[in-house]
């Protein structure tokens, strides 16, 4: 299990790689803790601009490690920790000031889908499939899937996916807003890295603010969200990053953000 999550770096991109292909990258409590530690390390590095989450092997992630789940079903405290820690890790990933991009190949099911839902942008291979398998086995989501899925694709589509336990193709997932881009299987890794490289040219503070405005505003009324945006703009626009951006625009050059 010590190598179940690999932490890498590509320039200003921090990479978290699920490295348990023999188990289809199913998620254990230890893997969640390693994902969380990697995220925290990347956030503490001022040179990082984006996090890329990906999986080794044929499949991105087929859910929770059910052997671990079965072993703790009769231990209420252990089960509470397993669920609570997983929820907390995904929540911190979701609210990270760094953009979180996820690249999905093969199967993305149950807990894997919950991981995708906590990310900001999903790039999928053409052959990828997405589904919530809990109902098939008498289970229910435990890491926020029932709440995020309804917010991302709407209540009726989310209930269809959860109740039927069917799989969505990558193109269907893109049509309902779960996936941002669908690319050829052979080009998935490079497409995800290229997307992240684009983000490395942006203002870190600006990206963090836009992410915060979008996510926090979703839970507010429109008027509350507009006030949130106004306050953020009043703080950000007089700052150094906006000044550099405007100078670059006037000078017809690429901005150089710290």
Foldseek 3Di string as FASTA:
>chain_A
DVVQWDWDDDFQETEIEGEDVVQLSADDLVSLVVLLVSLVVSLVDPLHAAYEYAYDDQWGYAYHPVVRVVVCVVPVVVNCCRLVSLQVSLQCLLLRLHAYEYETHAEQEARSLSSLLSHDAYEYEQAYKYAYQQQVPVGDHRNCLQPSVCVQQNDVVSCCRHNVRDIDGPVRCVVRRSHVYYDHPVCRVVVRVVVSVVSSLAASNVSSLVSCLVVVVSVDDPVVSVVSVVVVCVVPCVDDRVVQVVVCVVVVHRGDYD
